[in-house]
C-alpha atoms as a PDB file:
ATOM      1  CA  MET A   1       4.412  82.341  34.959  1.00  0.00           C
ATOM      2  CA  ARG A   2       6.942  80.580  32.736  1.00  0.00           C
ATOM      3  CA  ALA A   3       5.562  77.167  33.690  1.00  0.00           C
ATOM      4  CA  GLU A   4       2.023  78.289  32.840  1.00  0.00           C
ATOM      5  CA  THR A   5       3.190  79.634  29.478  1.00  0.00           C
ATOM      6  CA  GLU A   6       4.938  76.344  28.643  1.00  0.00           C
ATOM      7  CA  GLN A   7       1.852  74.382  29.698  1.00  0.00           C
ATOM      8  CA  ARG A   8      -0.412  76.451  27.444  1.00  0.00           C
ATOM      9  CA  ALA A   9       2.046  76.009  24.563  1.00  0.00           C
ATOM     10  CA  SER A  10       2.100  72.254  25.212  1.00  0.00           C
ATOM     11  CA  HIS A  11      -1.694  72.021  25.168  1.00  0.00           C
ATOM     12  CA  ARG A  12      -1.848  74.081  21.987  1.00  0.00           C
ATOM     13  CA  LEU A  13       0.689  71.789  20.308  1.00  0.00           C
ATOM     14  CA  VAL A  14      -1.338  68.716  21.315  1.00  0.00           C
ATOM     15  CA  ARG A  15      -4.517  70.228  19.835  1.00  0.00           C
ATOM     16  CA  ILE A  16      -2.723  71.028  16.577  1.00  0.00           C
ATOM     17  CA  LEU A  17      -1.303  67.520  16.350  1.00  0.00           C
ATOM     18  CA  VAL A  18      -4.693  65.915  17.054  1.00  0.00           C
ATOM     19  CA  ALA A  19      -6.366  68.021  14.352  1.00  0.00           C
ATOM     20  CA  ALA A  20      -3.617  67.358  11.788  1.00  0.00           C
ATOM     21  CA  THR A  21      -3.612  63.612  12.523  1.00  0.00           C
ATOM     22  CA  ALA A  22      -7.405  63.368  12.256  1.00  0.00           C
ATOM     23  CA  LEU A  23      -7.343  65.233   8.923  1.00  0.00           C
ATOM     24  CA  ALA A  24      -4.548  63.013   7.576  1.00  0.00           C
ATOM     25  CA  ALA A  25      -6.392  59.852   8.665  1.00  0.00           C
ATOM     26  CA  LEU A  26      -9.625  60.971   7.029  1.00  0.00           C
ATOM     27  CA  THR A  27      -7.785  61.821   3.815  1.00  0.00           C
ATOM     28  CA  ALA A  28      -5.918  58.501   3.775  1.00  0.00           C
ATOM     29  CA  LEU A  29      -9.214  56.622   4.051  1.00  0.00           C
ATOM     30  CA  TRP A  30     -10.353  57.854   0.639  1.00  0.00           C
ATOM     31  CA  ILE A  31      -7.043  57.981  -1.240  1.00  0.00           C
ATOM     32  CA  GLY A  32      -5.432  54.932  -2.795  1.00  0.00           C
ATOM     33  CA  PRO A  33      -4.846  53.012  -6.026  1.00  0.00           C
ATOM     34  CA  VAL A  34      -8.609  52.317  -6.142  1.00  0.00           C
ATOM     35  CA  ARG A  35     -10.763  55.414  -5.946  1.00  0.00           C
ATOM     36  CA  VAL A  36     -13.629  55.158  -3.479  1.00  0.00           C
ATOM     37  CA  SER A  37     -16.206  57.827  -2.741  1.00  0.00           C
ATOM     38  CA  PRO A  38     -18.492  58.087   0.327  1.00  0.00           C
ATOM     39  CA  GLY A  39     -21.484  57.249  -1.833  1.00  0.00           C
ATOM     40  CA  ASP A  40     -19.937  53.892  -2.769  1.00  0.00           C
ATOM     41  CA  LEU A  41     -20.401  52.675   0.791  1.00  0.00           C
ATOM     42  CA  PHE A  42     -24.139  52.313   0.188  1.00  0.00           C
ATOM     43  CA  THR A  43     -23.970  50.693  -3.248  1.00  0.00           C
ATOM     44  CA  ASP A  44     -20.673  48.824  -3.655  1.00  0.00           C
ATOM     45  CA  GLU A  45     -19.686  45.812  -1.577  1.00  0.00           C
ATOM     46  CA  VAL A  46     -16.133  45.925  -2.920  1.00  0.00           C
ATOM     47  CA  ALA A  47     -15.774  49.537  -1.760  1.00  0.00           C
ATOM     48  CA  ARG A  48     -16.873  48.564   1.751  1.00  0.00           C
ATOM     49  CA  VAL A  49     -14.291  45.757   1.855  1.00  0.00           C
ATOM     50  CA  ILE A  50     -11.551  48.120   0.666  1.00  0.00           C
ATOM     51  CA  LEU A  51     -12.423  50.737   3.257  1.00  0.00           C
ATOM     52  CA  PHE A  52     -13.190  48.655   6.333  1.00  0.00           C
ATOM     53  CA  GLU A  53     -11.011  45.564   5.812  1.00  0.00           C
ATOM     54  CA  LEU A  54      -7.963  47.043   4.069  1.00  0.00           C
ATOM     55  CA  ARG A  55      -7.573  50.784   4.502  1.00  0.00           C
ATOM     56  CA  LEU A  56      -9.074  51.381   7.936  1.00  0.00           C
ATOM     57  CA  PRO A  57      -6.995  48.752   9.805  1.00  0.00           C
ATOM     58  CA  ARG A  58      -3.938  50.027   7.967  1.00  0.00           C
ATOM     59  CA  ILE A  59      -4.650  53.592   9.075  1.00  0.00           C
ATOM     60  CA  VAL A  60      -5.217  52.509  12.679  1.00  0.00           C
ATOM     61  CA  ALA A  61      -1.997  50.484  12.521  1.00  0.00           C
ATOM     62  CA  ALA A  62      -0.050  53.499  11.234  1.00  0.00           C
ATOM     63  CA  LEU A  63      -1.426  55.606  14.083  1.00  0.00           C
ATOM     64  CA  LEU A  64      -0.626  53.055  16.795  1.00  0.00           C
ATOM     65  CA  ILE A  65       2.787  51.996  15.471  1.00  0.00           C
ATOM     66  CA  GLY A  66       3.847  55.589  14.852  1.00  0.00           C
ATOM     67  CA  ALA A  67       2.698  56.501  18.360  1.00  0.00           C
ATOM     68  CA  ALA A  68       4.625  53.568  19.847  1.00  0.00           C
ATOM     69  CA  LEU A  69       7.837  54.489  18.029  1.00  0.00           C
ATOM     70  CA  GLY A  70       7.503  58.183  18.843  1.00  0.00           C
ATOM     71  CA  ALA A  71       6.944  57.524  22.548  1.00  0.00           C
ATOM     72  CA  ALA A  72       9.737  54.926  22.684  1.00  0.00           C
ATOM     73  CA  GLY A  73      12.145  57.341  21.041  1.00  0.00           C
ATOM     74  CA  ALA A  74      11.253  60.129  23.479  1.00  0.00           C
ATOM     75  CA  LEU A  75      11.802  57.741  26.389  1.00  0.00           C
ATOM     76  CA  LEU A  76      15.178  56.498  25.164  1.00  0.00           C
ATOM     77  CA  GLN A  77      16.360  60.046  24.514  1.00  0.00           C
ATOM     78  CA  ALA A  78      15.366  60.939  28.071  1.00  0.00           C
ATOM     79  CA  LEU A  79      17.086  57.890  29.575  1.00  0.00           C
ATOM     80  CA  LEU A  80      20.295  58.493  27.610  1.00  0.00           C
ATOM     81  CA  ARG A  81      20.023  62.279  28.019  1.00  0.00           C
ATOM     82  CA  ASN A  82      20.788  62.766  24.340  1.00  0.00           C
ATOM     83  CA  PRO A  83      18.693  63.497  21.219  1.00  0.00           C
ATOM     84  CA  LEU A  84      20.607  60.938  19.124  1.00  0.00           C
ATOM     85  CA  ALA A  85      18.980  57.925  20.762  1.00  0.00           C
ATOM     86  CA  ASP A  86      16.507  55.887  18.721  1.00  0.00           C
ATOM     87  CA  PRO A  87      15.197  52.305  19.005  1.00  0.00           C
ATOM     88  CA  ALA A  88      16.587  51.441  15.563  1.00  0.00           C
ATOM     89  CA  LEU A  89      20.017  52.910  16.307  1.00  0.00           C
ATOM     90  CA  ILE A  90      20.705  51.199  19.629  1.00  0.00           C
ATOM     91  CA  GLY A  91      19.829  47.648  18.653  1.00  0.00           C
ATOM     92  CA  VAL A  92      16.264  47.374  19.963  1.00  0.00           C
ATOM     93  CA  SER A  93      14.658  47.036  16.534  1.00  0.00           C
ATOM     94  CA  GLY A  94      17.299  44.578  15.377  1.00  0.00           C
ATOM     95  CA  GLY A  95      16.787  42.423  18.434  1.00  0.00           C
ATOM     96  CA  ALA A  96      13.008  42.507  17.993  1.00  0.00           C
ATOM     97  CA  ALA A  97      13.327  41.533  14.328  1.00  0.00           C
ATOM     98  CA  LEU A  98      15.635  38.649  15.223  1.00  0.00           C
ATOM     99  CA  GLY A  99      13.183  37.386  17.832  1.00  0.00           C
ATOM    100  CA  ALA A 100      10.300  37.534  15.363  1.00  0.00           C
ATOM    101  CA  ALA A 101      12.356  35.849  12.638  1.00  0.00           C
ATOM    102  CA  ALA A 102      13.413  33.070  15.007  1.00  0.00           C
ATOM    103  CA  MET A 103       9.799  32.416  15.979  1.00  0.00           C
ATOM    104  CA  LEU A 104       8.795  32.266  12.326  1.00  0.00           C
ATOM    105  CA  ALA A 105      11.638  29.828  11.626  1.00  0.00           C
ATOM    106  CA  ILE A 106      10.494  27.602  14.506  1.00  0.00           C
ATOM    107  CA  GLY A 107       6.731  27.888  14.104  1.00  0.00           C
ATOM    108  CA  GLY A 108       6.507  28.433  10.373  1.00  0.00           C
ATOM    109  CA  ALA A 109       4.714  31.210   8.520  1.00  0.00           C
ATOM    110  CA  GLY A 110       1.436  30.100  10.111  1.00  0.00           C
ATOM    111  CA  SER A 111       2.560  31.547  13.444  1.00  0.00           C
ATOM    112  CA  LEU A 112       2.193  34.996  11.886  1.00  0.00           C
ATOM    113  CA  SER A 113      -1.563  34.679  12.131  1.00  0.00           C
ATOM    114  CA  LEU A 114      -1.453  33.901  15.866  1.00  0.00           C
ATOM    115  CA  LEU A 115      -1.844  36.682  18.405  1.00  0.00           C
ATOM    116  CA  LEU A 116       1.016  36.135  20.863  1.00  0.00           C
ATOM    117  CA  PRO A 117       3.992  34.049  19.611  1.00  0.00           C
ATOM    118  CA  VAL A 118       5.589  36.526  17.185  1.00  0.00           C
ATOM    119  CA  PRO A 119       5.071  39.706  19.269  1.00  0.00           C
ATOM    120  CA  GLY A 120       6.209  37.803  22.368  1.00  0.00           C
ATOM    121  CA  ALA A 121       9.386  36.637  20.658  1.00  0.00           C
ATOM    122  CA  ALA A 122       9.965  40.150  19.322  1.00  0.00           C
ATOM    123  CA  PHE A 123       9.617  41.560  22.837  1.00  0.00           C
ATOM    124  CA  LEU A 124      12.148  39.095  24.247  1.00  0.00           C
ATOM    125  CA  GLY A 125      14.566  39.906  21.423  1.00  0.00           C
ATOM    126  CA  ALA A 126      14.134  43.658  21.977  1.00  0.00           C
ATOM    127  CA  LEU A 127      14.618  43.297  25.737  1.00  0.00           C
ATOM    128  CA  ALA A 128      17.738  41.154  25.318  1.00  0.00           C
ATOM    129  CA  ALA A 129      19.242  43.616  22.829  1.00  0.00           C
ATOM    130  CA  THR A 130      18.446  46.598  25.054  1.00  0.00           C
ATOM    131  CA  LEU A 131      19.952  45.021  28.167  1.00  0.00           C
ATOM    132  CA  LEU A 132      23.071  43.979  26.257  1.00  0.00           C
ATOM    133  CA  VAL A 133      23.568  47.441  24.779  1.00  0.00           C
ATOM    134  CA  TRP A 134      22.917  49.002  28.182  1.00  0.00           C
ATOM    135  CA  ARG A 135      25.502  46.707  29.804  1.00  0.00           C
ATOM    136  CA  LEU A 136      28.122  47.332  27.116  1.00  0.00           C
ATOM    137  CA  GLY A 137      27.540  51.079  27.095  1.00  0.00           C
ATOM    138  CA  ALA A 138      27.838  51.585  30.854  1.00  0.00           C
ATOM    139  CA  ALA A 139      31.016  52.351  32.719  1.00  0.00           C
ATOM    140  CA  GLN A 140      31.045  52.422  36.532  1.00  0.00           C
ATOM    141  CA  GLY A 141      27.257  52.544  36.573  1.00  0.00           C
ATOM    142  CA  ARG A 142      27.035  55.500  34.163  1.00  0.00           C
ATOM    143  CA  LEU A 143      25.885  55.385  30.564  1.00  0.00           C
ATOM    144  CA  GLN A 144      28.350  56.521  27.915  1.00  0.00           C
ATOM    145  CA  LEU A 145      26.603  57.722  24.746  1.00  0.00           C
ATOM    146  CA  ALA A 146      29.436  56.749  22.402  1.00  0.00           C
ATOM    147  CA  GLY A 147      29.537  53.276  23.940  1.00  0.00           C
ATOM    148  CA  VAL A 148      25.770  52.865  23.669  1.00  0.00           C
ATOM    149  CA  LEU A 149      25.707  53.883  19.999  1.00  0.00           C
ATOM    150  CA  LEU A 150      28.682  51.689  19.073  1.00  0.00           C
ATOM    151  CA  ALA A 151      27.201  48.741  20.951  1.00  0.00           C
ATOM    152  CA  GLY A 152      23.899  49.367  19.175  1.00  0.00           C
ATOM    153  CA  VAL A 153      25.611  49.278  15.781  1.00  0.00           C
ATOM    154  CA  ALA A 154      27.295  46.009  16.706  1.00  0.00           C
ATOM    155  CA  ILE A 155      24.056  44.445  17.987  1.00  0.00           C
ATOM    156  CA  ASN A 156      22.161  45.535  14.872  1.00  0.00           C
ATOM    157  CA  THR A 157      24.886  44.051  12.672  1.00  0.00           C
ATOM    158  CA  LEU A 158      24.867  40.784  14.595  1.00  0.00           C
ATOM    159  CA  ALA A 159      21.065  40.602  14.548  1.00  0.00           C
ATOM    160  CA  GLY A 160      21.029  41.291  10.797  1.00  0.00           C
ATOM    161  CA  ALA A 161      23.574  38.537  10.209  1.00  0.00           C
ATOM    162  CA  LEU A 162      21.571  36.039  12.263  1.00  0.00           C
ATOM    163  CA  VAL A 163      18.359  36.969  10.451  1.00  0.00           C
ATOM    164  CA  GLY A 164      20.175  36.458   7.151  1.00  0.00           C
ATOM    165  CA  LEU A 165      21.363  33.042   8.363  1.00  0.00           C
ATOM    166  CA  LEU A 166      17.788  32.076   9.238  1.00  0.00           C
ATOM    167  CA  LEU A 167      16.640  33.208   5.786  1.00  0.00           C
ATOM    168  CA  THR A 168      19.310  31.043   4.138  1.00  0.00           C
ATOM    169  CA  PHE A 169      17.702  27.883   5.512  1.00  0.00           C
ATOM    170  CA  ALA A 170      14.063  29.044   5.402  1.00  0.00           C
ATOM    171  CA  ASN A 171      11.397  27.752   3.051  1.00  0.00           C
ATOM    172  CA  ASP A 172       9.538  30.135   0.752  1.00  0.00           C
ATOM    173  CA  PRO A 173       6.613  31.012   3.083  1.00  0.00           C
ATOM    174  CA  VAL A 174       8.952  31.751   5.997  1.00  0.00           C
ATOM    175  CA  LEU A 175      11.289  33.634   3.677  1.00  0.00           C
ATOM    176  CA  ARG A 176       8.483  35.919   2.498  1.00  0.00           C
ATOM    177  CA  ALA A 177       7.140  36.407   6.010  1.00  0.00           C
ATOM    178  CA  THR A 178      10.580  37.239   7.432  1.00  0.00           C
ATOM    179  CA  THR A 179      11.519  39.577   4.599  1.00  0.00           C
ATOM    180  CA  PHE A 180       8.427  41.559   5.608  1.00  0.00           C
ATOM    181  CA  TRP A 181      10.277  42.589   8.786  1.00  0.00           C
ATOM    182  CA  LEU A 182      13.424  43.783   7.037  1.00  0.00           C
ATOM    183  CA  PHE A 183      11.854  46.641   5.056  1.00  0.00           C
ATOM    184  CA  GLY A 184       8.830  47.641   7.133  1.00  0.00           C
ATOM    185  CA  SER A 185       5.342  47.543   5.690  1.00  0.00           C
ATOM    186  CA  LEU A 186       1.728  47.948   6.787  1.00  0.00           C
ATOM    187  CA  THR A 187       0.322  46.000   3.838  1.00  0.00           C
ATOM    188  CA  GLU A 188      -0.577  42.754   5.600  1.00  0.00           C
ATOM    189  CA  ILE A 189      -1.956  44.190   8.842  1.00  0.00           C
ATOM    190  CA  ARG A 190      -5.531  43.229   9.742  1.00  0.00           C
ATOM    191  CA  TRP A 191      -7.724  43.871  12.778  1.00  0.00           C
ATOM    192  CA  PRO A 192      -6.603  40.917  14.980  1.00  0.00           C
ATOM    193  CA  ALA A 193      -2.974  42.056  14.800  1.00  0.00           C
ATOM    194  CA  LEU A 194      -3.913  45.419  16.322  1.00  0.00           C
ATOM    195  CA  ILE A 195      -5.309  44.132  19.623  1.00  0.00           C
ATOM    196  CA  ALA A 196      -1.995  44.193  21.494  1.00  0.00           C
ATOM    197  CA  LEU A 197      -1.162  47.672  20.173  1.00  0.00           C
ATOM    198  CA  LEU A 198      -4.604  49.000  21.092  1.00  0.00           C
ATOM    199  CA  LEU A 199      -4.126  47.776  24.651  1.00  0.00           C
ATOM    200  CA  ALA A 200      -0.454  48.625  25.180  1.00  0.00           C
ATOM    201  CA  VAL A 201       0.178  51.978  23.488  1.00  0.00           C
ATOM    202  CA  PRO A 202      -2.373  54.169  25.342  1.00  0.00           C
ATOM    203  CA  ILE A 203      -1.427  52.596  28.690  1.00  0.00           C
ATOM    204  CA  ALA A 204       2.308  53.051  28.045  1.00  0.00           C
ATOM    205  CA  VAL A 205       1.906  56.707  27.026  1.00  0.00           C
ATOM    206  CA  ALA A 206      -0.206  57.373  30.136  1.00  0.00           C
ATOM    207  CA  LEU A 207       2.414  55.718  32.362  1.00  0.00           C
ATOM    208  CA  LEU A 208       5.189  57.756  30.775  1.00  0.00           C
ATOM    209  CA  GLU A 209       3.293  60.993  31.286  1.00  0.00           C
ATOM    210  CA  ARG A 210       2.985  60.127  34.980  1.00  0.00           C
ATOM    211  CA  ARG A 211       6.781  59.765  35.117  1.00  0.00           C
ATOM    212  CA  ALA A 212       7.470  63.050  33.314  1.00  0.00           C
ATOM    213  CA  THR A 213       8.458  64.928  36.482  1.00  0.00           C
ATOM    214  CA  ALA A 214      10.811  62.115  37.502  1.00  0.00           C
ATOM    215  CA  LEU A 215      12.422  62.193  34.055  1.00  0.00           C
ATOM    216  CA  ASP A 216      12.877  65.955  34.317  1.00  0.00           C
ATOM    217  CA  LEU A 217      14.683  65.380  37.599  1.00  0.00           C
ATOM    218  CA  TYR A 218      16.690  62.546  36.022  1.00  0.00           C
ATOM    219  CA  GLN A 219      18.126  64.986  33.449  1.00  0.00           C
ATOM    220  CA  LEU A 220      20.099  66.707  36.223  1.00  0.00           C
ATOM    221  CA  GLY A 221      22.333  63.652  36.560  1.00  0.00           C
ATOM    222  CA  ASP A 222      22.306  60.428  38.526  1.00  0.00           C
ATOM    223  CA  ALA A 223      23.867  61.846  41.685  1.00  0.00           C
ATOM    224  CA  GLU A 224      21.629  64.911  41.805  1.00  0.00           C
ATOM    225  CA  ALA A 225      18.530  62.816  41.117  1.00  0.00           C
ATOM    226  CA  ARG A 226      19.408  60.394  43.915  1.00  0.00           C
ATOM    227  CA  HIS A 227      19.949  63.260  46.354  1.00  0.00           C
ATOM    228  CA  ALA A 228      16.462  64.503  45.453  1.00  0.00           C
ATOM    229  CA  GLY A 229      14.994  61.095  46.348  1.00  0.00           C
ATOM    230  CA  LEU A 230      14.648  59.544  42.877  1.00  0.00           C
ATOM    231  CA  ASP A 231      15.260  55.821  42.513  1.00  0.00           C
ATOM    232  CA  VAL A 232      17.416  56.084  39.387  1.00  0.00           C
ATOM    233  CA  ARG A 233      17.919  52.363  38.802  1.00  0.00           C
ATOM    234  CA  ARG A 234      14.203  51.665  39.105  1.00  0.00           C
ATOM    235  CA  LEU A 235      13.395  54.456  36.651  1.00  0.00           C
ATOM    236  CA  GLN A 236      15.944  53.075  34.199  1.00  0.00           C
ATOM    237  CA  ARG A 237      14.597  49.529  34.504  1.00  0.00           C
ATOM    238  CA  GLN A 238      11.018  50.699  33.973  1.00  0.00           C
ATOM    239  CA  GLY A 239      12.121  52.792  31.009  1.00  0.00           C
ATOM    240  CA  ILE A 240      13.937  49.867  29.399  1.00  0.00           C
ATOM    241  CA  LEU A 241      10.895  47.627  29.740  1.00  0.00           C
ATOM    242  CA  LEU A 242       8.475  50.192  28.307  1.00  0.00           C
ATOM    243  CA  ALA A 243      10.760  51.161  25.415  1.00  0.00           C
ATOM    244  CA  SER A 244      11.347  47.491  24.604  1.00  0.00           C
ATOM    245  CA  LEU A 245       7.637  46.690  24.755  1.00  0.00           C
ATOM    246  CA  LEU A 246       6.635  49.573  22.492  1.00  0.00           C
ATOM    247  CA  THR A 247       9.400  48.860  19.992  1.00  0.00           C
ATOM    248  CA  ALA A 248       8.764  45.119  19.995  1.00  0.00           C
ATOM    249  CA  LEU A 249       5.061  45.549  19.308  1.00  0.00           C
ATOM    250  CA  ALA A 250       5.806  47.971  16.487  1.00  0.00           C
ATOM    251  CA  VAL A 251       8.412  45.698  14.895  1.00  0.00           C
ATOM    252  CA  ALA A 252       6.280  42.580  15.336  1.00  0.00           C
ATOM    253  CA  SER A 253       3.386  44.299  13.594  1.00  0.00           C
ATOM    254  CA  ALA A 254       5.099  46.168  10.764  1.00  0.00           C
ATOM    255  CA  GLY A 255       8.787  45.301  10.655  1.00  0.00           C
ATOM    256  CA  ILE A 256      11.684  47.699  11.078  1.00  0.00           C
ATOM    257  CA  ILE A 257      10.535  51.293  10.564  1.00  0.00           C
ATOM    258  CA  GLY A 258      13.454  53.430  11.564  1.00  0.00           C
ATOM    259  CA  PHE A 259      14.075  57.050  12.545  1.00  0.00           C
ATOM    260  CA  ILE A 260      10.547  57.973  13.639  1.00  0.00           C
ATOM    261  CA  GLY A 261      11.701  57.617  17.233  1.00  0.00           C
ATOM    262  CA  LEU A 262      14.643  59.888  16.445  1.00  0.00           C
ATOM    263  CA  MET A 263      13.010  62.679  14.458  1.00  0.00           C
ATOM    264  CA  VAL A 264       9.668  63.154  16.186  1.00  0.00           C
ATOM    265  CA  PRO A 265      10.831  63.647  19.818  1.00  0.00           C
ATOM    266  CA  HIS A 266      13.496  66.061  18.581  1.00  0.00           C
ATOM    267  CA  PHE A 267      10.901  68.224  16.826  1.00  0.00           C
ATOM    268  CA  MET A 268       8.580  68.024  19.830  1.00  0.00           C
ATOM    269  CA  ARG A 269      11.427  69.262  22.014  1.00  0.00           C
ATOM    270  CA  LEU A 270      11.936  72.230  19.708  1.00  0.00           C
ATOM    271  CA  LEU A 271       8.226  73.045  19.595  1.00  0.00           C
ATOM    272  CA  GLY A 272       7.152  72.160  23.126  1.00  0.00           C
ATOM    273  CA  GLY A 273      10.109  73.063  25.310  1.00  0.00           C
ATOM    274  CA  ALA A 274      12.578  71.137  27.437  1.00  0.00           C
ATOM    275  CA  SER A 275      10.138  69.732  30.003  1.00  0.00           C
ATOM    276  CA  HIS A 276       8.999  66.128  29.623  1.00  0.00           C
ATOM    277  CA  ARG A 277       5.508  67.020  30.784  1.00  0.00           C
ATOM    278  CA  GLY A 278       3.362  66.381  27.715  1.00  0.00           C
ATOM    279  CA  ARG A 279       6.389  65.239  25.687  1.00  0.00           C
ATOM    280  CA  PHE A 280       5.305  61.614  25.395  1.00  0.00           C
ATOM    281  CA  LEU A 281       1.779  62.442  24.276  1.00  0.00           C
ATOM    282  CA  GLN A 282       3.172  64.938  21.775  1.00  0.00           C
ATOM    283  CA  SER A 283       5.721  62.419  20.481  1.00  0.00           C
ATOM    284  CA  ALA A 284       3.058  59.722  20.199  1.00  0.00           C
ATOM    285  CA  LEU A 285       0.808  62.044  18.169  1.00  0.00           C
ATOM    286  CA  GLY A 286       3.720  63.270  16.064  1.00  0.00           C
ATOM    287  CA  GLY A 287       4.865  59.721  15.373  1.00  0.00           C
ATOM    288  CA  ALA A 288       1.337  58.700  14.404  1.00  0.00           C
ATOM    289  CA  LEU A 289       1.070  61.647  12.010  1.00  0.00           C
ATOM    290  CA  LEU A 290       4.492  61.058  10.441  1.00  0.00           C
ATOM    291  CA  LEU A 291       3.976  57.335   9.846  1.00  0.00           C
ATOM    292  CA  LEU A 292       0.494  57.959   8.473  1.00  0.00           C
ATOM    293  CA  LEU A 293       1.870  60.477   5.968  1.00  0.00           C
ATOM    294  CA  ALA A 294       4.781  58.182   5.068  1.00  0.00           C
ATOM    295  CA  ASP A 295       2.441  55.238   4.506  1.00  0.00           C
ATOM    296  CA  GLY A 296       0.185  57.394   2.335  1.00  0.00           C
ATOM    297  CA  CYS A 297       3.202  58.197   0.172  1.00  0.00           C
ATOM    298  CA  ALA A 298       4.218  54.521   0.117  1.00  0.00           C
ATOM    299  CA  ARG A 299       0.752  53.558  -1.168  1.00  0.00           C
ATOM    300  CA  THR A 300       0.421  56.230  -3.830  1.00  0.00           C
ATOM    301  CA  LEU A 301       3.824  57.355  -5.171  1.00  0.00           C
ATOM    302  CA  ALA A 302       4.420  54.213  -7.248  1.00  0.00           C
ATOM    303  CA  ALA A 303       0.822  52.946  -7.549  1.00  0.00           C
ATOM    304  CA  PRO A 304      -0.227  50.251  -8.304  1.00  0.00           C
ATOM    305  CA  ALA A 305       3.116  49.093  -6.894  1.00  0.00           C
ATOM    306  CA  GLU A 306       3.919  49.917  -3.274  1.00  0.00           C
ATOM    307  CA  ILE A 307       7.099  51.218  -1.660  1.00  0.00           C
ATOM    308  CA  PRO A 308       7.987  49.705   1.738  1.00  0.00           C
ATOM    309  CA  VAL A 309       7.296  52.428   4.272  1.00  0.00           C
ATOM    310  CA  GLY A 310      10.465  51.587   6.192  1.00  0.00           C
ATOM    311  CA  LEU A 311      12.505  52.609   3.154  1.00  0.00           C
ATOM    312  CA  LEU A 312      10.791  55.999   3.015  1.00  0.00           C
ATOM    313  CA  THR A 313      11.370  56.739   6.705  1.00  0.00           C
ATOM    314  CA  ALA A 314      15.019  55.694   6.300  1.00  0.00           C
ATOM    315  CA  LEU A 315      15.472  57.991   3.301  1.00  0.00           C
ATOM    316  CA  LEU A 316      14.040  60.832   5.367  1.00  0.00           C
ATOM    317  CA  GLY A 317      15.605  59.978   8.700  1.00  0.00           C
ATOM    318  CA  ALA A 318      19.186  59.095   7.750  1.00  0.00           C
ATOM    319  CA  PRO A 319      20.054  62.614   6.454  1.00  0.00           C
ATOM    320  CA  PHE A 320      18.320  64.090   9.509  1.00  0.00           C
ATOM    321  CA  PHE A 321      20.441  61.920  11.788  1.00  0.00           C
ATOM    322  CA  LEU A 322      23.640  62.977  10.020  1.00  0.00           C
ATOM    323  CA  LEU A 323      22.757  66.663  10.355  1.00  0.00           C
ATOM    324  CA  LEU A 324      21.856  66.186  14.017  1.00  0.00           C
ATOM    325  CA  LEU A 325      25.071  64.238  14.640  1.00  0.00           C
ATOM    326  CA  ARG A 326      27.135  66.979  13.023  1.00  0.00           C
ATOM    327  CA  ARG A 327      25.475  69.594  15.224  1.00  0.00           C
ATOM    328  CA  GLU A 328      26.104  67.576  18.382  1.00  0.00           C
ATOM    329  CA  VAL A 329      29.744  67.013  17.391  1.00  0.00           C
ATOM    330  CA  ARG A 330      30.230  70.751  16.925  1.00  0.00           C
ATOM    331  CA  ARG A 331      28.728  71.334  20.359  1.00  0.00           C
ATOM    332  CA  GLY A 332      31.083  68.792  21.854  1.00  0.00           C
ATOM    333  CA  THR A 333      28.270  66.664  23.304  1.00  0.00           C
ATOM    334  CA  VAL A 334      29.310  63.512  21.401  1.00  0.00           C
END
């Protein structure tokens, strides 16, 4: 009976998130520094360009990138068994940004327009950072949260320093293109840049939902999960790869947009229960909705100027992280 009740609550939450996200996307299509009405689509060529070449790909990008970050955050929190985990906090985003910046330094700003080099380099950087943090944060085969977070801070600092070093010797086009990654923005995204996200995000969320039961079992502890027949190391390796892929694609497309992967899964846990069944779909929808709302504020609050969306999510997420950290410290879980 309890399981059926939780399942109905999960389905209801998904329906609410889908409706809210669809409404926010429709609203964002018509709101911006330039006012466009539905009637302009039939009479104004400029209005059609604004809607279909500027706003619509930006909205789709916000949905996909927010979904990727939300799902990646939910996965990392499950793997580390702690709600403080986030791709930006444990070095994944920093590693992805360093990989993208290195590719831009080697290939020039023109490589930004290509489909694979920058996202591929971002993925390798994210994977390297994740594996390094995982190695540094493990003791006798077990992950230590404090070690993971401290290693993540160190990796982020090192990655930031290396990116700064690359910027010191970069020419103006590479400098502008690399700076794009440091603050997070959806301004320059066009349709070709969304192909990888369109392919990867739905598949990754579906794969994670299939592993929900295994992740529930994993929460009992490594020893208990192994006794129940779960291949813990394989689950961890798969989780690392998926989290790195989702984070790398998000960073390669829009730069470092922090704290979505921290806040959204935490709220989904409060609203949807402790089970991971449905958690990744909920976190993907919640991340899409949050980034879409944040980008709408970034476009309109200082119009005609634009605030980098990564700054807005940081302003919202950093206080949330501090409050969450204080709560976990009081509970003695950190």
